[in-house]
Amino acid sequence: MIPIDISGGSIQPGEAYLSDTPVLRGHAGTQPDLFLRWNEIPVSAHAVDVAVHLHGFSQQGGAMPLAEKVARSGVDLSGRTRPTLSILPRGNWIRHTYYDFPGLIDGGIDRLVDYAVQQLDRDLTVDRLILSGHSGGGMPAIDAIAGARRPPDELFVFDGLYGRDPRGGDPLGGLEVIDAWLGERFACEPDRPGALRVIFIERQTGPFSREVAALIARHLAAAPDVTASLARRYRVEQSGVPHAYVAAVCGPQLLACPDAEFDWSQV
């Protein structure tokens, strides 16, 4: 178990790096392979929200230290009031600068979340699940949803919807996963509100992102009561910052408020 500071009736905010995570055993790369960060959690709490972030490529290739990704992940819980555990797993180094997350498909993300929550050494269940992906972590986030028993309530993709290599099949493969997930999410509105926020840069992830915008438009058109809040929580927009900074700028704001308005002029 990780060291936890308990005082004043609460687990105090903290963070930890872990090595040799069972779910990530098949991933190539350096140790530690898992980063956890949590805000204040009352000892009396029975449930905790979990925010999982999937990182993108690294110029250091297979030698990438996980700490490189923590700083720009946007996993900042300072604006979040609900008890929350954030999880940043190290991906699987493929070649050159590329990473993917094969350990998280076919229910692997569920096993990762359960393992991470157990590290808090409390009998906690998972309430809301938030999943985000930046750059090369965007498409693996979609793949993780496809086989998960616990689909995310909120999905944030930061310039990460590159689509598939057309040599391997449909370049828009994965849209059907997002479509099905949106149907489930909209069925839960407004009792259990969710969100899909996609921030993209046209020359990199524009085509796939615009297809997702069309999916959202169709689901909004079919919704019985489209409120302003609903439309703000499900939307696709162009980034006002360079690729490397999208997660760091947008992540903290969305973790604090999923219908946040980005003031790009202030960044």
C-alpha atoms as a PDB file:
ATOM      1  CA  MET A   1       0.000   0.000   0.000  1.00  0.00           C
ATOM      2  CA  ILE A   2       1.055   3.586  -0.549  1.00  0.00           C
ATOM      3  CA  PRO A   3       1.799   5.926   2.375  1.00  0.00           C
ATOM      4  CA  ILE A   4      -1.326   7.888   3.314  1.00  0.00           C
ATOM      5  CA  ASP A   5      -1.578  10.853   5.670  1.00  0.00           C
ATOM      6  CA  ILE A   6      -4.787  10.830   7.701  1.00  0.00           C
ATOM      7  CA  SER A   7      -5.615  13.825   9.869  1.00  0.00           C
ATOM      8  CA  GLY A   8      -8.694  15.803  10.805  1.00  0.00           C
ATOM      9  CA  GLY A   9     -10.952  12.944   9.762  1.00  0.00           C
ATOM     10  CA  SER A  10      -9.684  12.919   6.165  1.00  0.00           C
ATOM     11  CA  ILE A  11      -7.074  11.381   3.932  1.00  0.00           C
ATOM     12  CA  GLN A  12      -4.948  14.380   3.049  1.00  0.00           C
ATOM     13  CA  PRO A  13      -4.063  15.187  -0.571  1.00  0.00           C
ATOM     14  CA  GLY A  14      -1.063  13.283  -1.855  1.00  0.00           C
ATOM     15  CA  GLU A  15       0.555  11.456  -4.708  1.00  0.00           C
ATOM     16  CA  ALA A  16       2.670   8.380  -5.319  1.00  0.00           C
ATOM     17  CA  TYR A  17       4.514   6.451  -7.997  1.00  0.00           C
ATOM     18  CA  LEU A  18       4.118   2.668  -8.182  1.00  0.00           C
ATOM     19  CA  SER A  19       6.138   0.033 -10.023  1.00  0.00           C
ATOM     20  CA  ASP A  20       5.344  -3.332 -11.552  1.00  0.00           C
ATOM     21  CA  THR A  21       1.608  -2.728 -11.780  1.00  0.00           C
ATOM     22  CA  PRO A  22      -0.020  -6.102 -12.587  1.00  0.00           C
ATOM     23  CA  VAL A  23      -2.365  -4.751 -15.280  1.00  0.00           C
ATOM     24  CA  LEU A  24       0.563  -3.055 -17.043  1.00  0.00           C
ATOM     25  CA  ARG A  25       2.952  -5.995 -16.871  1.00  0.00           C
ATOM     26  CA  GLY A  26       2.896  -6.473 -20.639  1.00  0.00           C
ATOM     27  CA  HIS A  27       3.774  -2.824 -21.355  1.00  0.00           C
ATOM     28  CA  ALA A  28       7.334  -2.121 -22.454  1.00  0.00           C
ATOM     29  CA  GLY A  29       9.029   0.868 -20.825  1.00  0.00           C
ATOM     30  CA  THR A  30      10.624   2.161 -17.655  1.00  0.00           C
ATOM     31  CA  GLN A  31       9.569   1.879 -14.023  1.00  0.00           C
ATOM     32  CA  PRO A  32       7.690   3.261 -12.180  1.00  0.00           C
ATOM     33  CA  ASP A  33       4.716   2.561 -14.421  1.00  0.00           C
ATOM     34  CA  LEU A  34       1.838   4.151 -12.490  1.00  0.00           C
ATOM     35  CA  PHE A  35       1.237   7.579 -10.983  1.00  0.00           C
ATOM     36  CA  LEU A  36      -1.559   8.272  -8.495  1.00  0.00           C
ATOM     37  CA  ARG A  37      -2.753  11.607  -7.151  1.00  0.00           C
ATOM     38  CA  TRP A  38      -5.681  12.252  -4.835  1.00  0.00           C
ATOM     39  CA  ASN A  39      -7.364  15.198  -3.198  1.00  0.00           C
ATOM     40  CA  GLU A  40      -8.849  15.272   0.297  1.00  0.00           C
ATOM     41  CA  ILE A  41     -11.002  12.218   0.940  1.00  0.00           C
ATOM     42  CA  PRO A  42     -13.087  12.008   4.131  1.00  0.00           C
ATOM     43  CA  VAL A  43     -12.406   8.846   6.104  1.00  0.00           C
ATOM     44  CA  SER A  44     -16.168   8.376   6.239  1.00  0.00           C
ATOM     45  CA  ALA A  45     -16.457   8.337   2.423  1.00  0.00           C
ATOM     46  CA  HIS A  46     -17.803   5.160   0.841  1.00  0.00           C
ATOM     47  CA  ALA A  47     -17.055   6.112  -2.760  1.00  0.00           C
ATOM     48  CA  VAL A  48     -14.510   8.069  -4.754  1.00  0.00           C
ATOM     49  CA  ASP A  49     -14.419   9.474  -8.279  1.00  0.00           C
ATOM     50  CA  VAL A  50     -11.602   8.209 -10.499  1.00  0.00           C
ATOM     51  CA  ALA A  51      -9.923  10.145 -13.314  1.00  0.00           C
ATOM     52  CA  VAL A  52      -7.752   8.099 -15.698  1.00  0.00           C
ATOM     53  CA  HIS A  53      -5.460   9.874 -18.154  1.00  0.00           C
ATOM     54  CA  LEU A  54      -3.686   8.227 -21.098  1.00  0.00           C
ATOM     55  CA  HIS A  55      -0.559  10.012 -22.306  1.00  0.00           C
ATOM     56  CA  GLY A  56       0.775  10.394 -25.807  1.00  0.00           C
ATOM     57  CA  PHE A  57       4.121  10.009 -27.553  1.00  0.00           C
ATOM     58  CA  SER A  58       7.543  10.766 -26.088  1.00  0.00           C
ATOM     59  CA  GLN A  59      10.692  11.968 -27.776  1.00  0.00           C
ATOM     60  CA  GLN A  60      12.591   9.803 -25.268  1.00  0.00           C
ATOM     61  CA  GLY A  61      11.042   6.681 -26.701  1.00  0.00           C
ATOM     62  CA  GLY A  62      11.221   3.624 -24.487  1.00  0.00           C
ATOM     63  CA  ALA A  63      13.398   5.443 -21.957  1.00  0.00           C
ATOM     64  CA  MET A  64      10.619   7.887 -21.078  1.00  0.00           C
ATOM     65  CA  PRO A  65      10.225   8.415 -17.332  1.00  0.00           C
ATOM     66  CA  LEU A  66       6.582   8.619 -16.298  1.00  0.00           C
ATOM     67  CA  ALA A  67       7.302  11.920 -14.545  1.00  0.00           C
ATOM     68  CA  GLU A  68       7.702  13.481 -18.005  1.00  0.00           C
ATOM     69  CA  LYS A  69       3.996  12.971 -18.618  1.00  0.00           C
ATOM     70  CA  VAL A  70       2.731  13.979 -15.180  1.00  0.00           C
ATOM     71  CA  ALA A  71       3.635  17.644 -15.636  1.00  0.00           C
ATOM     72  CA  ARG A  72       1.659  18.064 -18.878  1.00  0.00           C
ATOM     73  CA  SER A  73      -1.139  15.598 -18.214  1.00  0.00           C
ATOM     74  CA  GLY A  74      -3.601  18.140 -16.843  1.00  0.00           C
ATOM     75  CA  VAL A  75      -4.268  15.809 -13.901  1.00  0.00           C
ATOM     76  CA  ASP A  76      -4.665  18.699 -11.475  1.00  0.00           C
ATOM     77  CA  LEU A  77      -7.295  18.176  -8.778  1.00  0.00           C
ATOM     78  CA  SER A  78      -6.967  21.570  -7.098  1.00  0.00           C
ATOM     79  CA  GLY A  79     -10.264  22.801  -8.556  1.00  0.00           C
ATOM     80  CA  ARG A  80     -12.198  19.622  -7.814  1.00  0.00           C
ATOM     81  CA  THR A  81     -14.408  19.401  -4.728  1.00  0.00           C
ATOM     82  CA  ARG A  82     -15.519  15.748  -4.974  1.00  0.00           C
ATOM     83  CA  PRO A  83     -13.174  13.119  -3.466  1.00  0.00           C
ATOM     84  CA  THR A  84     -11.129  12.002  -6.459  1.00  0.00           C
ATOM     85  CA  LEU A  85      -8.270   9.657  -7.283  1.00  0.00           C
ATOM     86  CA  SER A  86      -6.406  10.342 -10.520  1.00  0.00           C
ATOM     87  CA  ILE A  87      -4.488   7.627 -12.356  1.00  0.00           C
ATOM     88  CA  LEU A  88      -1.785   8.036 -14.982  1.00  0.00           C
ATOM     89  CA  PRO A  89      -0.495   4.680 -16.305  1.00  0.00           C
ATOM     90  CA  ARG A  90       2.639   4.394 -18.410  1.00  0.00           C
ATOM     91  CA  GLY A  91       1.806   3.128 -21.848  1.00  0.00           C
ATOM     92  CA  ASN A  92       3.483   0.444 -23.909  1.00  0.00           C
ATOM     93  CA  TRP A  93       6.433   1.624 -25.985  1.00  0.00           C
ATOM     94  CA  ILE A  94       5.997   0.360 -29.547  1.00  0.00           C
ATOM     95  CA  ARG A  95       8.861   1.978 -31.480  1.00  0.00           C
ATOM     96  CA  HIS A  96      10.372   5.395 -32.103  1.00  0.00           C
ATOM     97  CA  THR A  97       8.223   7.849 -30.095  1.00  0.00           C
ATOM     98  CA  TYR A  98       5.022   5.777 -30.123  1.00  0.00           C
ATOM     99  CA  TYR A  99       3.067   4.357 -27.191  1.00  0.00           C
ATOM    100  CA  ASP A 100      -0.192   2.456 -26.941  1.00  0.00           C
ATOM    101  CA  PHE A 101      -2.168   0.838 -24.088  1.00  0.00           C
ATOM    102  CA  PRO A 102      -2.948  -2.821 -24.883  1.00  0.00           C
ATOM    103  CA  GLY A 103      -3.211  -3.685 -21.191  1.00  0.00           C
ATOM    104  CA  LEU A 104      -6.304  -1.514 -20.857  1.00  0.00           C
ATOM    105  CA  ILE A 105      -8.459  -3.134 -23.535  1.00  0.00           C
ATOM    106  CA  ASP A 106     -10.892  -6.020 -22.925  1.00  0.00           C
ATOM    107  CA  GLY A 107     -11.705  -4.764 -19.443  1.00  0.00           C
ATOM    108  CA  GLY A 108      -8.135  -3.903 -18.508  1.00  0.00           C
ATOM    109  CA  ILE A 109      -9.110  -0.368 -17.588  1.00  0.00           C
ATOM    110  CA  ASP A 110     -11.569  -1.766 -15.026  1.00  0.00           C
ATOM    111  CA  ARG A 111      -8.804  -3.850 -13.467  1.00  0.00           C
ATOM    112  CA  LEU A 112      -6.478  -0.839 -13.397  1.00  0.00           C
ATOM    113  CA  VAL A 113      -9.084   1.331 -11.659  1.00  0.00           C
ATOM    114  CA  ASP A 114      -9.851  -1.366  -9.091  1.00  0.00           C
ATOM    115  CA  TYR A 115      -6.141  -1.885  -8.384  1.00  0.00           C
ATOM    116  CA  ALA A 116      -5.509   1.840  -7.941  1.00  0.00           C
ATOM    117  CA  VAL A 117      -8.462   2.336  -5.595  1.00  0.00           C
ATOM    118  CA  GLN A 118      -7.243  -0.587  -3.476  1.00  0.00           C
ATOM    119  CA  GLN A 119      -3.969   1.268  -2.911  1.00  0.00           C
ATOM    120  CA  LEU A 120      -5.821   3.797  -0.748  1.00  0.00           C
ATOM    121  CA  ASP A 121      -6.393   0.952   1.741  1.00  0.00           C
ATOM    122  CA  ARG A 122     -10.036   1.835   2.225  1.00  0.00           C
ATOM    123  CA  ASP A 123     -13.257   0.022   1.368  1.00  0.00           C
ATOM    124  CA  LEU A 124     -14.159   2.454  -1.406  1.00  0.00           C
ATOM    125  CA  THR A 125     -16.349   1.958  -4.441  1.00  0.00           C
ATOM    126  CA  VAL A 126     -16.043   3.945  -7.675  1.00  0.00           C
ATOM    127  CA  ASP A 127     -18.720   6.569  -8.239  1.00  0.00           C
ATOM    128  CA  ARG A 128     -17.942   8.670 -11.315  1.00  0.00           C
ATOM    129  CA  LEU A 129     -15.299   7.640 -13.826  1.00  0.00           C
ATOM    130  CA  ILE A 130     -13.536  10.246 -15.955  1.00  0.00           C
ATOM    131  CA  LEU A 131     -11.334   9.170 -18.853  1.00  0.00           C
ATOM    132  CA  SER A 132      -9.043  11.478 -20.792  1.00  0.00           C
ATOM    133  CA  GLY A 133      -6.451  10.992 -23.491  1.00  0.00           C
ATOM    134  CA  HIS A 134      -3.896  13.324 -25.015  1.00  0.00           C
ATOM    135  CA  SER A 135      -2.297  12.916 -28.435  1.00  0.00           C
ATOM    136  CA  GLY A 136      -1.538   9.221 -28.999  1.00  0.00           C
ATOM    137  CA  GLY A 137      -3.570   8.378 -25.901  1.00  0.00           C
ATOM    138  CA  GLY A 138      -6.822   9.480 -27.553  1.00  0.00           C
ATOM    139  CA  MET A 139      -7.587   6.443 -29.700  1.00  0.00           C
ATOM    140  CA  PRO A 140      -6.505   3.979 -26.947  1.00  0.00           C
ATOM    141  CA  ALA A 141      -9.063   5.686 -24.694  1.00  0.00           C
ATOM    142  CA  ILE A 142     -11.775   4.796 -27.224  1.00  0.00           C
ATOM    143  CA  ASP A 143     -10.492   1.224 -27.410  1.00  0.00           C
ATOM    144  CA  ALA A 144     -10.556   0.961 -23.611  1.00  0.00           C
ATOM    145  CA  ILE A 145     -14.207   2.035 -23.511  1.00  0.00           C
ATOM    146  CA  ALA A 146     -15.185  -0.690 -25.992  1.00  0.00           C
ATOM    147  CA  GLY A 147     -14.432  -3.523 -23.567  1.00  0.00           C
ATOM    148  CA  ALA A 148     -15.084  -1.829 -20.235  1.00  0.00           C
ATOM    149  CA  ARG A 149     -17.767  -2.949 -17.804  1.00  0.00           C
ATOM    150  CA  ARG A 150     -17.643   0.498 -16.194  1.00  0.00           C
ATOM    151  CA  PRO A 151     -17.958   3.056 -19.021  1.00  0.00           C
ATOM    152  CA  PRO A 152     -16.814   6.579 -18.208  1.00  0.00           C
ATOM    153  CA  ASP A 153     -19.273   9.255 -17.198  1.00  0.00           C
ATOM    154  CA  GLU A 154     -17.027  11.879 -18.766  1.00  0.00           C
ATOM    155  CA  LEU A 155     -14.626  11.573 -21.702  1.00  0.00           C
ATOM    156  CA  PHE A 156     -12.103  14.262 -22.620  1.00  0.00           C
ATOM    157  CA  VAL A 157      -9.881  13.937 -25.694  1.00  0.00           C
ATOM    158  CA  PHE A 158      -7.077  16.444 -26.151  1.00  0.00           C
ATOM    159  CA  ASP A 159      -6.007  16.548 -29.816  1.00  0.00           C
ATOM    160  CA  GLY A 160      -5.971  12.761 -29.844  1.00  0.00           C
ATOM    161  CA  LEU A 161      -8.515  11.561 -32.418  1.00  0.00           C
ATOM    162  CA  TYR A 162      -6.095  10.721 -35.225  1.00  0.00           C
ATOM    163  CA  GLY A 163      -8.223   7.864 -36.516  1.00  0.00           C
ATOM    164  CA  ARG A 164      -6.881   4.533 -37.769  1.00  0.00           C
ATOM    165  CA  ASP A 165      -4.202   3.714 -40.277  1.00  0.00           C
ATOM    166  CA  PRO A 166      -6.226   3.188 -43.485  1.00  0.00           C
ATOM    167  CA  ARG A 167      -3.880   0.326 -44.407  1.00  0.00           C
ATOM    168  CA  GLY A 168      -5.331  -1.623 -41.471  1.00  0.00           C
ATOM    169  CA  GLY A 169      -9.014  -0.966 -42.089  1.00  0.00           C
ATOM    170  CA  ASP A 170     -11.549   1.805 -41.660  1.00  0.00           C
ATOM    171  CA  PRO A 171      -9.809   5.106 -40.773  1.00  0.00           C
ATOM    172  CA  LEU A 172     -12.957   6.076 -38.848  1.00  0.00           C
ATOM    173  CA  GLY A 173     -13.041   2.862 -36.845  1.00  0.00           C
ATOM    174  CA  GLY A 174     -14.018   3.690 -33.278  1.00  0.00           C
ATOM    175  CA  LEU A 175     -16.814   6.086 -34.150  1.00  0.00           C
ATOM    176  CA  GLU A 176     -19.268   3.259 -33.514  1.00  0.00           C
ATOM    177  CA  VAL A 177     -17.894   2.941 -29.960  1.00  0.00           C
ATOM    178  CA  ILE A 178     -18.379   6.650 -29.320  1.00  0.00           C
ATOM    179  CA  ASP A 179     -21.868   6.515 -30.855  1.00  0.00           C
ATOM    180  CA  ALA A 180     -22.948   3.644 -28.598  1.00  0.00           C
ATOM    181  CA  TRP A 181     -21.419   5.290 -25.538  1.00  0.00           C
ATOM    182  CA  LEU A 182     -23.179   8.562 -26.315  1.00  0.00           C
ATOM    183  CA  GLY A 183     -26.479   6.711 -26.528  1.00  0.00           C
ATOM    184  CA  GLU A 184     -25.915   5.247 -23.066  1.00  0.00           C
ATOM    185  CA  ARG A 185     -24.821   8.578 -21.661  1.00  0.00           C
ATOM    186  CA  PHE A 186     -27.767  10.543 -23.039  1.00  0.00           C
ATOM    187  CA  ALA A 187     -30.124   7.926 -21.601  1.00  0.00           C
ATOM    188  CA  CYS A 188     -28.728   8.786 -18.151  1.00  0.00           C
ATOM    189  CA  GLU A 189     -29.270  12.532 -18.559  1.00  0.00           C
ATOM    190  CA  PRO A 190     -30.088  14.572 -16.552  1.00  0.00           C
ATOM    191  CA  ASP A 191     -30.153  12.265 -13.504  1.00  0.00           C
ATOM    192  CA  ARG A 192     -26.528  11.282 -13.945  1.00  0.00           C
ATOM    193  CA  PRO A 193     -24.916  13.989 -16.078  1.00  0.00           C
ATOM    194  CA  GLY A 194     -21.952  13.183 -18.252  1.00  0.00           C
ATOM    195  CA  ALA A 195     -19.692  14.914 -20.749  1.00  0.00           C
ATOM    196  CA  LEU A 196     -17.758  14.496 -23.980  1.00  0.00           C
ATOM    197  CA  ARG A 197     -15.294  17.288 -24.672  1.00  0.00           C
ATOM    198  CA  VAL A 198     -13.011  17.045 -27.694  1.00  0.00           C
ATOM    199  CA  ILE A 199     -10.380  19.712 -28.282  1.00  0.00           C
ATOM    200  CA  PHE A 200      -8.563  19.365 -31.600  1.00  0.00           C
ATOM    201  CA  ILE A 201      -6.057  20.964 -33.954  1.00  0.00           C
ATOM    202  CA  GLU A 202      -7.267  20.810 -37.544  1.00  0.00           C
ATOM    203  CA  ARG A 203      -4.129  19.628 -39.306  1.00  0.00           C
ATOM    204  CA  GLN A 204      -3.702  16.733 -36.879  1.00  0.00           C
ATOM    205  CA  THR A 205      -7.047  15.438 -35.655  1.00  0.00           C
ATOM    206  CA  GLY A 206      -9.626  17.533 -37.509  1.00  0.00           C
ATOM    207  CA  PRO A 207     -11.346  14.912 -39.726  1.00  0.00           C
ATOM    208  CA  PHE A 208     -12.136  12.382 -36.979  1.00  0.00           C
ATOM    209  CA  SER A 209     -13.018  15.137 -34.493  1.00  0.00           C
ATOM    210  CA  ARG A 210     -15.544  16.655 -36.900  1.00  0.00           C
ATOM    211  CA  GLU A 211     -17.170  13.240 -37.307  1.00  0.00           C
ATOM    212  CA  VAL A 212     -17.554  13.074 -33.540  1.00  0.00           C
ATOM    213  CA  ALA A 213     -19.123  16.550 -33.620  1.00  0.00           C
ATOM    214  CA  ALA A 214     -21.680  15.203 -36.110  1.00  0.00           C
ATOM    215  CA  LEU A 215     -22.465  12.296 -33.775  1.00  0.00           C
ATOM    216  CA  ILE A 216     -23.016  14.694 -30.897  1.00  0.00           C
ATOM    217  CA  ALA A 217     -25.302  16.845 -33.044  1.00  0.00           C
ATOM    218  CA  ARG A 218     -27.458  13.827 -33.881  1.00  0.00           C
ATOM    219  CA  HIS A 219     -27.762  12.786 -30.238  1.00  0.00           C
ATOM    220  CA  LEU A 220     -28.577  16.327 -29.162  1.00  0.00           C
ATOM    221  CA  ALA A 221     -31.250  16.551 -31.887  1.00  0.00           C
ATOM    222  CA  ALA A 222     -32.863  13.373 -30.564  1.00  0.00           C
ATOM    223  CA  ALA A 223     -32.721  14.418 -26.910  1.00  0.00           C
ATOM    224  CA  PRO A 224     -36.141  15.279 -25.443  1.00  0.00           C
ATOM    225  CA  ASP A 225     -34.886  18.305 -23.516  1.00  0.00           C
ATOM    226  CA  VAL A 226     -31.661  19.916 -24.714  1.00  0.00           C
ATOM    227  CA  THR A 227     -30.492  22.420 -22.138  1.00  0.00           C
ATOM    228  CA  ALA A 228     -27.658  24.891 -22.501  1.00  0.00           C
ATOM    229  CA  SER A 229     -25.671  22.892 -19.950  1.00  0.00           C
ATOM    230  CA  LEU A 230     -26.097  19.685 -21.946  1.00  0.00           C
ATOM    231  CA  ALA A 231     -24.858  21.319 -25.128  1.00  0.00           C
ATOM    232  CA  ARG A 232     -21.868  22.779 -23.304  1.00  0.00           C
ATOM    233  CA  ARG A 233     -20.929  19.405 -21.828  1.00  0.00           C
ATOM    234  CA  TYR A 234     -21.048  17.556 -25.148  1.00  0.00           C
ATOM    235  CA  ARG A 235     -19.092  19.425 -27.797  1.00  0.00           C
ATOM    236  CA  VAL A 236     -16.077  19.560 -30.076  1.00  0.00           C
ATOM    237  CA  GLU A 237     -13.940  22.672 -30.483  1.00  0.00           C
ATOM    238  CA  GLN A 238     -10.642  23.825 -31.914  1.00  0.00           C
ATOM    239  CA  SER A 239      -7.717  24.365 -29.575  1.00  0.00           C
ATOM    240  CA  GLY A 240      -6.268  27.782 -28.929  1.00  0.00           C
ATOM    241  CA  VAL A 241      -2.938  26.399 -27.736  1.00  0.00           C
ATOM    242  CA  PRO A 242      -0.299  24.177 -29.398  1.00  0.00           C
ATOM    243  CA  HIS A 243      -0.623  20.398 -29.329  1.00  0.00           C
ATOM    244  CA  ALA A 244       1.778  19.782 -26.442  1.00  0.00           C
ATOM    245  CA  TYR A 245      -0.183  22.058 -24.094  1.00  0.00           C
ATOM    246  CA  VAL A 246      -3.800  21.061 -24.760  1.00  0.00           C
ATOM    247  CA  ALA A 247      -4.097  18.589 -21.872  1.00  0.00           C
ATOM    248  CA  ALA A 248      -2.210  20.799 -19.417  1.00  0.00           C
ATOM    249  CA  VAL A 249      -4.438  23.803 -20.172  1.00  0.00           C
ATOM    250  CA  CYS A 250      -7.821  22.100 -20.564  1.00  0.00           C
ATOM    251  CA  GLY A 251      -7.545  19.152 -18.183  1.00  0.00           C
ATOM    252  CA  PRO A 252      -7.646  21.052 -14.873  1.00  0.00           C
ATOM    253  CA  GLN A 253     -10.579  23.184 -16.027  1.00  0.00           C
ATOM    254  CA  LEU A 254     -12.634  20.194 -17.144  1.00  0.00           C
ATOM    255  CA  LEU A 255     -11.889  18.239 -13.972  1.00  0.00           C
ATOM    256  CA  ALA A 256     -13.233  21.213 -12.035  1.00  0.00           C
ATOM    257  CA  CYS A 257     -16.222  21.793 -14.321  1.00  0.00           C
ATOM    258  CA  PRO A 258     -17.025  19.627 -17.387  1.00  0.00           C
ATOM    259  CA  ASP A 259     -18.910  22.436 -19.117  1.00  0.00           C
ATOM    260  CA  ALA A 260     -16.044  24.901 -18.652  1.00  0.00           C
ATOM    261  CA  GLU A 261     -15.592  27.650 -21.235  1.00  0.00           C
ATOM    262  CA  PHE A 262     -11.988  28.064 -22.332  1.00  0.00           C
ATOM    263  CA  ASP A 263     -10.767  31.622 -22.591  1.00  0.00           C
ATOM    264  CA  TRP A 264      -7.937  31.028 -25.062  1.00  0.00           C
ATOM    265  CA  SER A 265      -7.007  34.714 -24.974  1.00  0.00           C
ATOM    266  CA  GLN A 266      -5.923  34.323 -21.355  1.00  0.00           C
ATOM    267  CA  VAL A 267      -3.696  31.294 -21.927  1.00  0.00           C
END
